[in-house]
């Protein structure tokens, strides 16, 4: 699947994984999310939605809100070249 899900779908995936409720506008560092939860979630997003989070370190994730992270992923995705390419 290459389509980017909406914010609520991405949050639901994180909430199920971490078994906590996540507010999209609260900094990740102020939630009950562990670094392992964030790592597993980022791998899930990369695998299922073909986005790249390789330039974001876990300590940087903790300073972001889920909404800002989501918007960052969408920005990266929109900047990728068309998969069909021009040859």
N, C-alpha and C. Protein backbone atom coordinates (compact mmCIF):
# COMPACT_ATOMS: atom_id res chain seq x y z
N UNK A 1 0.85 -1.18 0.00
CA UNK A 1 0.00 0.00 0.00
C UNK A 1 0.89 1.23 0.00
N UNK A 2 0.66 2.14 -0.94
CA UNK A 2 1.52 3.31 -1.03
C UNK A 2 0.79 4.60 -0.68
N UNK A 3 -0.53 4.56 -0.52
CA UNK A 3 -1.28 5.76 -0.18
C UNK A 3 -1.03 6.12 1.28
N UNK A 4 -0.89 7.41 1.53
CA UNK A 4 -0.69 7.88 2.89
C UNK A 4 -2.05 7.91 3.58
N UNK A 5 -2.15 7.33 4.76
CA UNK A 5 -3.41 7.36 5.50
C UNK A 5 -3.64 8.76 6.08
N UNK A 6 -4.86 9.01 6.52
CA UNK A 6 -5.09 10.30 7.17
C UNK A 6 -4.53 10.25 8.59
N UNK A 7 -4.49 11.41 9.23
CA UNK A 7 -3.89 11.53 10.56
C UNK A 7 -4.55 10.59 11.56
N UNK A 8 -5.87 10.51 11.54
CA UNK A 8 -6.55 9.66 12.52
C UNK A 8 -6.18 8.19 12.35
N UNK A 9 -6.00 7.74 11.11
CA UNK A 9 -5.60 6.35 10.88
C UNK A 9 -4.19 6.10 11.41
N UNK A 10 -3.28 7.04 11.18
CA UNK A 10 -1.92 6.87 11.68
C UNK A 10 -1.90 6.87 13.20
N UNK A 11 -2.72 7.73 13.82
CA UNK A 11 -2.78 7.76 15.28
C UNK A 11 -3.38 6.48 15.84
N UNK A 12 -4.40 5.96 15.17
CA UNK A 12 -5.01 4.70 15.61
C UNK A 12 -3.98 3.59 15.59
N UNK A 13 -3.16 3.54 14.54
CA UNK A 13 -2.12 2.51 14.46
C UNK A 13 -1.16 2.63 15.63
N UNK A 14 -0.78 3.86 15.97
CA UNK A 14 0.13 4.09 17.09
C UNK A 14 -0.54 3.73 18.41
N UNK A 15 -1.79 4.11 18.58
CA UNK A 15 -2.51 3.81 19.82
C UNK A 15 -2.66 2.31 20.04
N UNK A 16 -2.96 1.59 18.98
CA UNK A 16 -3.09 0.13 19.09
C UNK A 16 -1.74 -0.49 19.43
N UNK A 17 -0.71 -0.03 18.77
CA UNK A 17 0.64 -0.54 19.02
C UNK A 17 1.09 -0.27 20.45
N UNK A 18 0.91 0.96 20.91
CA UNK A 18 1.41 1.36 22.23
C UNK A 18 0.41 1.15 23.35
N UNK A 19 -0.85 0.90 22.99
CA UNK A 19 -1.93 0.70 23.95
C UNK A 19 -2.11 1.92 24.86
N UNK A 20 -2.03 3.11 24.25
CA UNK A 20 -2.29 4.37 24.95
C UNK A 20 -3.07 5.29 24.02
N UNK A 21 -3.79 6.22 24.59
CA UNK A 21 -4.51 7.24 23.81
C UNK A 21 -3.51 8.35 23.48
N UNK A 22 -3.51 8.80 22.23
CA UNK A 22 -2.56 9.81 21.78
C UNK A 22 -3.30 11.02 21.25
N UNK A 23 -2.99 12.18 21.82
CA UNK A 23 -3.54 13.46 21.34
C UNK A 23 -2.59 13.97 20.26
N UNK A 24 -3.10 14.30 19.06
CA UNK A 24 -2.22 14.71 17.97
C UNK A 24 -1.46 16.01 18.21
N UNK A 25 -1.91 16.80 19.20
CA UNK A 25 -1.28 18.09 19.43
C UNK A 25 -0.47 18.18 20.72
N UNK A 26 -0.28 17.05 21.38
CA UNK A 26 0.54 17.00 22.59
C UNK A 26 1.92 16.47 22.20
N UNK A 27 2.99 17.14 22.61
CA UNK A 27 4.33 16.63 22.28
C UNK A 27 4.49 15.17 22.71
N UNK A 28 5.12 14.41 21.85
CA UNK A 28 5.31 12.98 22.10
C UNK A 28 6.02 12.75 23.43
N UNK A 29 6.90 13.68 23.80
CA UNK A 29 7.64 13.53 25.06
C UNK A 29 6.73 13.63 26.28
N UNK A 30 5.53 14.15 26.11
CA UNK A 30 4.59 14.28 27.23
C UNK A 30 3.54 13.17 27.24
N UNK A 31 3.76 12.15 26.46
CA UNK A 31 2.84 11.01 26.41
C UNK A 31 3.49 9.80 27.07
N UNK A 32 2.75 8.73 27.12
CA UNK A 32 3.27 7.48 27.69
C UNK A 32 3.91 6.59 26.62
N UNK A 33 4.32 7.19 25.51
CA UNK A 33 4.95 6.42 24.44
C UNK A 33 6.42 6.17 24.76
N UNK A 34 6.85 4.96 24.55
CA UNK A 34 8.26 4.64 24.75
C UNK A 34 9.02 4.79 23.44
N UNK A 35 10.32 4.82 23.53
CA UNK A 35 11.15 4.86 22.32
C UNK A 35 10.90 3.63 21.46
N UNK A 36 10.68 2.50 22.10
CA UNK A 36 10.40 1.28 21.35
C UNK A 36 9.08 1.39 20.60
N UNK A 37 8.05 1.98 21.24
CA UNK A 37 6.77 2.20 20.55
C UNK A 37 6.98 3.06 19.31
N UNK A 38 7.75 4.13 19.46
CA UNK A 38 8.00 5.03 18.34
C UNK A 38 8.80 4.35 17.23
N UNK A 39 9.76 3.56 17.62
CA UNK A 39 10.55 2.84 16.63
C UNK A 39 9.68 1.85 15.85
N UNK A 40 8.87 1.08 16.56
CA UNK A 40 7.98 0.12 15.90
C UNK A 40 6.99 0.83 14.99
N UNK A 41 6.46 1.96 15.43
CA UNK A 41 5.51 2.72 14.63
C UNK A 41 6.17 3.26 13.37
N UNK A 42 7.39 3.78 13.50
CA UNK A 42 8.07 4.33 12.32
C UNK A 42 8.38 3.22 11.31
N UNK A 43 8.77 2.04 11.78
CA UNK A 43 9.02 0.91 10.87
C UNK A 43 7.72 0.51 10.18
N UNK A 44 6.64 0.48 10.92
CA UNK A 44 5.34 0.15 10.36
C UNK A 44 4.97 1.14 9.25
N UNK A 45 5.14 2.42 9.52
CA UNK A 45 4.81 3.44 8.52
C UNK A 45 5.68 3.30 7.28
N UNK A 46 6.97 3.06 7.49
CA UNK A 46 7.86 2.90 6.34
C UNK A 46 7.48 1.69 5.51
N UNK A 47 7.17 0.56 6.17
CA UNK A 47 6.83 -0.66 5.46
C UNK A 47 5.48 -0.57 4.74
N UNK A 48 4.48 -0.07 5.42
CA UNK A 48 3.13 -0.08 4.86
C UNK A 48 2.84 1.06 3.91
N UNK A 49 3.48 2.21 4.12
CA UNK A 49 3.13 3.38 3.33
C UNK A 49 4.29 3.93 2.51
N UNK A 50 5.40 3.22 2.47
CA UNK A 50 6.56 3.59 1.68
C UNK A 50 6.98 5.04 1.91
N UNK A 51 7.03 5.44 3.18
CA UNK A 51 7.56 6.75 3.55
C UNK A 51 8.91 6.55 4.19
N UNK A 52 9.71 7.58 4.20
CA UNK A 52 11.04 7.47 4.78
C UNK A 52 11.13 8.34 6.02
N UNK A 53 11.47 7.71 7.12
CA UNK A 53 11.69 8.44 8.37
C UNK A 53 13.15 8.30 8.79
N UNK A 54 14.00 7.92 7.85
CA UNK A 54 15.39 7.63 8.18
C UNK A 54 16.16 8.83 8.71
N UNK A 55 15.74 10.04 8.37
CA UNK A 55 16.46 11.22 8.83
C UNK A 55 15.95 11.76 10.17
N UNK A 56 14.93 11.11 10.73
CA UNK A 56 14.39 11.54 12.02
C UNK A 56 14.88 10.58 13.09
N UNK A 57 15.58 11.13 14.08
CA UNK A 57 16.07 10.30 15.18
C UNK A 57 14.99 10.19 16.24
N UNK A 58 15.05 9.14 17.05
CA UNK A 58 14.06 8.92 18.10
C UNK A 58 14.00 10.11 19.05
N UNK A 59 15.16 10.69 19.41
CA UNK A 59 15.13 11.83 20.33
C UNK A 59 14.44 13.04 19.70
N UNK A 60 14.51 13.17 18.37
CA UNK A 60 13.79 14.24 17.70
C UNK A 60 12.29 13.96 17.68
N UNK A 61 11.92 12.71 17.54
CA UNK A 61 10.51 12.34 17.55
C UNK A 61 9.85 12.77 18.85
N UNK A 62 10.57 12.64 19.93
CA UNK A 62 9.99 12.95 21.24
C UNK A 62 9.68 14.43 21.40
N UNK A 63 10.28 15.28 20.60
CA UNK A 63 10.03 16.72 20.68
C UNK A 63 8.92 17.18 19.75
N UNK A 64 8.42 16.29 18.93
CA UNK A 64 7.36 16.61 17.98
C UNK A 64 6.00 16.19 18.50
N UNK A 65 4.97 16.80 17.95
CA UNK A 65 3.62 16.30 18.19
C UNK A 65 3.34 15.29 17.07
N UNK A 66 2.41 14.37 17.30
CA UNK A 66 2.05 13.45 16.22
C UNK A 66 1.57 14.18 14.97
N UNK A 67 0.86 15.28 15.14
CA UNK A 67 0.39 16.04 13.98
C UNK A 67 1.57 16.58 13.17
N UNK A 68 2.57 17.16 13.83
CA UNK A 68 3.74 17.68 13.12
C UNK A 68 4.51 16.57 12.42
N UNK A 69 4.60 15.43 13.07
CA UNK A 69 5.28 14.29 12.44
C UNK A 69 4.51 13.85 11.20
N UNK A 70 3.20 13.76 11.31
CA UNK A 70 2.36 13.37 10.18
C UNK A 70 2.55 14.35 9.02
N UNK A 71 2.50 15.66 9.33
CA UNK A 71 2.68 16.66 8.28
C UNK A 71 4.06 16.57 7.65
N UNK A 72 5.06 16.24 8.44
CA UNK A 72 6.41 16.06 7.93
C UNK A 72 6.48 14.89 6.95
N UNK A 73 5.81 13.80 7.31
CA UNK A 73 5.78 12.61 6.45
C UNK A 73 5.09 12.95 5.14
N UNK A 74 3.98 13.68 5.20
CA UNK A 74 3.27 14.06 3.98
C UNK A 74 4.12 14.95 3.10
N UNK A 75 4.86 15.88 3.71
CA UNK A 75 5.73 16.77 2.95
C UNK A 75 6.81 15.98 2.24
N UNK A 76 7.44 15.03 2.97
CA UNK A 76 8.47 14.18 2.36
C UNK A 76 7.87 13.39 1.21
N UNK A 77 6.70 12.84 1.42
CA UNK A 77 6.05 12.00 0.41
C UNK A 77 5.75 12.80 -0.85
N UNK A 78 5.27 14.04 -0.69
CA UNK A 78 4.91 14.85 -1.85
C UNK A 78 6.14 15.30 -2.63
N UNK A 79 7.32 15.29 -1.98
CA UNK A 79 8.54 15.70 -2.65
C UNK A 79 9.24 14.55 -3.37
N UNK A 80 8.76 13.31 -3.17
CA UNK A 80 9.37 12.18 -3.85
C UNK A 80 9.06 12.23 -5.33
N UNK A 81 10.01 11.81 -6.19
CA UNK A 81 9.74 11.78 -7.62
C UNK A 81 8.67 10.74 -7.92
N UNK A 82 7.98 10.95 -9.02
CA UNK A 82 6.97 10.00 -9.46
C UNK A 82 7.62 8.63 -9.61
N UNK A 83 6.99 7.59 -9.02
CA UNK A 83 7.57 6.25 -9.05
C UNK A 83 7.75 5.72 -10.45
N UNK A 84 6.96 6.23 -11.40
CA UNK A 84 7.10 5.76 -12.78
C UNK A 84 8.33 6.36 -13.42
N UNK A 85 8.76 7.52 -12.93
CA UNK A 85 9.99 8.16 -13.44
C UNK A 85 9.85 8.65 -14.86
N UNK A 86 10.88 9.31 -15.31
CA UNK A 86 10.89 9.82 -16.69
C UNK A 86 11.96 9.14 -17.52
N UNK A 87 12.60 8.10 -16.95
CA UNK A 87 13.58 7.34 -17.71
C UNK A 87 14.90 7.77 -17.43
